[in-house]
């Protein structure tokens, strides 16, 4: 699903116009990005938590030459899914696998 399909889905589920859905989505994403950039975490119970994680400096390998290179310390955004989200995804894949097995001819 790309961004425009996401906006269409929001519009369909909320009876909002596509323009209003797009503005709402942008507001949510901007709010999450601003909070994480400030070092805060954003938790949506059941969905998940957006946060920042620090990575230490480490040694890597140049894939072309095999030479060791230093990779600088950095801070990156991270997402940790909530229980309801994980359960829904697991159930969807379990159902998909069960449907495939049930549809096979022996």
Protein backbone atom coordinates (compact mmCIF):
# COMPACT_ATOMS: atom_id res chain seq x y z
CA UNK A 1 0.00 0.00 0.00
CA UNK A 2 1.44 3.35 -0.98
CA UNK A 3 0.60 6.75 0.47
CA UNK A 4 -2.25 7.57 -1.91
CA UNK A 5 -3.83 4.15 -1.31
CA UNK A 6 -3.45 4.76 2.42
CA UNK A 7 -5.23 8.12 2.10
CA UNK A 8 -8.02 6.44 0.07
CA UNK A 9 -8.44 3.81 2.81
CA UNK A 10 -8.62 6.48 5.51
CA UNK A 11 -11.20 8.42 3.50
CA UNK A 12 -13.33 5.28 3.02
CA UNK A 13 -13.24 4.32 6.70
CA UNK A 14 -13.90 7.81 8.08
CA UNK A 15 -16.25 9.35 5.50
CA UNK A 16 -13.75 12.21 5.21
CA UNK A 17 -12.74 13.68 1.87
CA UNK A 18 -9.48 12.50 0.34
CA UNK A 19 -8.03 15.98 0.88
CA UNK A 20 -8.97 16.00 4.56
CA UNK A 21 -7.68 12.43 4.96
CA UNK A 22 -4.37 13.45 3.37
CA UNK A 23 -4.03 16.40 5.75
CA UNK A 24 -4.86 14.19 8.74
CA UNK A 25 -2.29 11.59 7.69
CA UNK A 26 0.36 14.29 7.18
CA UNK A 27 -0.43 15.74 10.62
CA UNK A 28 -0.07 12.34 12.30
CA UNK A 29 3.20 11.53 10.52
CA UNK A 30 4.66 15.00 11.17
CA UNK A 31 3.72 14.78 14.85
CA UNK A 32 5.37 11.37 15.21
CA UNK A 33 8.53 12.49 13.39
CA UNK A 34 8.79 15.72 15.42
CA UNK A 35 8.40 13.87 18.73
CA UNK A 36 10.94 11.15 17.88
CA UNK A 37 13.38 13.80 16.58
CA UNK A 38 13.14 15.50 19.99
CA UNK A 39 14.05 12.22 21.70
CA UNK A 40 10.51 11.41 22.83
CA UNK A 41 8.70 8.16 22.18
CA UNK A 42 5.17 7.96 20.79
CA UNK A 43 3.08 5.04 22.07
CA UNK A 44 -0.23 4.04 20.54
CA UNK A 45 -1.60 1.27 22.75
CA UNK A 46 -2.23 -1.88 20.71
CA UNK A 47 -0.47 -0.48 17.63
CA UNK A 48 3.08 0.15 18.76
CA UNK A 49 5.76 2.57 19.85
CA UNK A 50 7.86 4.90 17.73
CA UNK A 51 11.19 5.81 19.35
CA UNK A 52 14.80 6.69 18.67
CA UNK A 53 17.65 4.26 19.17
CA UNK A 54 21.33 5.04 19.44
CA UNK A 55 23.86 2.94 17.59
CA UNK A 56 27.43 2.86 18.81
CA UNK A 57 30.43 3.36 16.56
CA UNK A 58 31.42 0.05 15.03
CA UNK A 59 33.75 -1.50 12.50
CA UNK A 60 32.34 -2.64 9.18
CA UNK A 61 33.73 -4.02 5.97
CA UNK A 62 33.89 -2.38 2.56
CA UNK A 63 32.16 -4.96 0.34
CA UNK A 64 34.25 -4.05 -2.72
CA UNK A 65 37.69 -4.16 -1.14
CA UNK A 66 37.13 -6.08 2.09
CA UNK A 67 38.93 -3.31 3.99
CA UNK A 68 37.80 -2.50 7.52
CA UNK A 69 35.99 0.84 7.85
CA UNK A 70 34.69 2.78 10.83
CA UNK A 71 30.94 3.31 10.92
CA UNK A 72 30.10 6.40 12.98
CA UNK A 73 27.73 6.38 15.94
CA UNK A 74 24.23 7.51 14.98
CA UNK A 75 20.68 7.81 16.17
CA UNK A 76 17.93 6.17 14.12
CA UNK A 77 14.13 5.97 14.33
CA UNK A 78 12.66 2.64 15.38
CA UNK A 79 9.22 1.05 15.65
CA UNK A 80 8.21 -1.66 18.09
CA UNK A 81 4.81 -3.20 17.25
CA UNK A 82 2.24 -3.61 20.01
CA UNK A 83 0.61 -6.89 21.03
CA UNK A 84 -2.66 -6.33 19.15
CA UNK A 85 -0.73 -5.50 15.95
CA UNK A 86 1.51 -8.57 16.28
CA UNK A 87 -1.47 -10.81 17.03
CA UNK A 88 -3.42 -9.55 14.00
CA UNK A 89 -0.48 -10.10 11.64
CA UNK A 90 0.22 -13.57 13.05
CA UNK A 91 -3.44 -14.55 12.68
CA UNK A 92 -3.61 -13.27 9.11
CA UNK A 93 -0.58 -15.33 8.07
CA UNK A 94 -1.80 -18.38 9.98
CA UNK A 95 -5.15 -18.13 8.16
CA UNK A 96 -3.35 -17.70 4.82
CA UNK A 97 -1.24 -20.80 5.40
CA UNK A 98 -4.28 -22.78 6.52
CA UNK A 99 -6.19 -21.74 3.39
CA UNK A 100 -3.29 -22.87 1.17
CA UNK A 101 -3.08 -26.25 2.90
CA UNK A 102 -6.84 -26.75 2.71
CA UNK A 103 -6.89 -25.89 -0.99
CA UNK A 104 -4.27 -28.45 -2.06
CA UNK A 105 -5.36 -31.60 -3.84
CA UNK A 106 -3.88 -34.85 -2.62
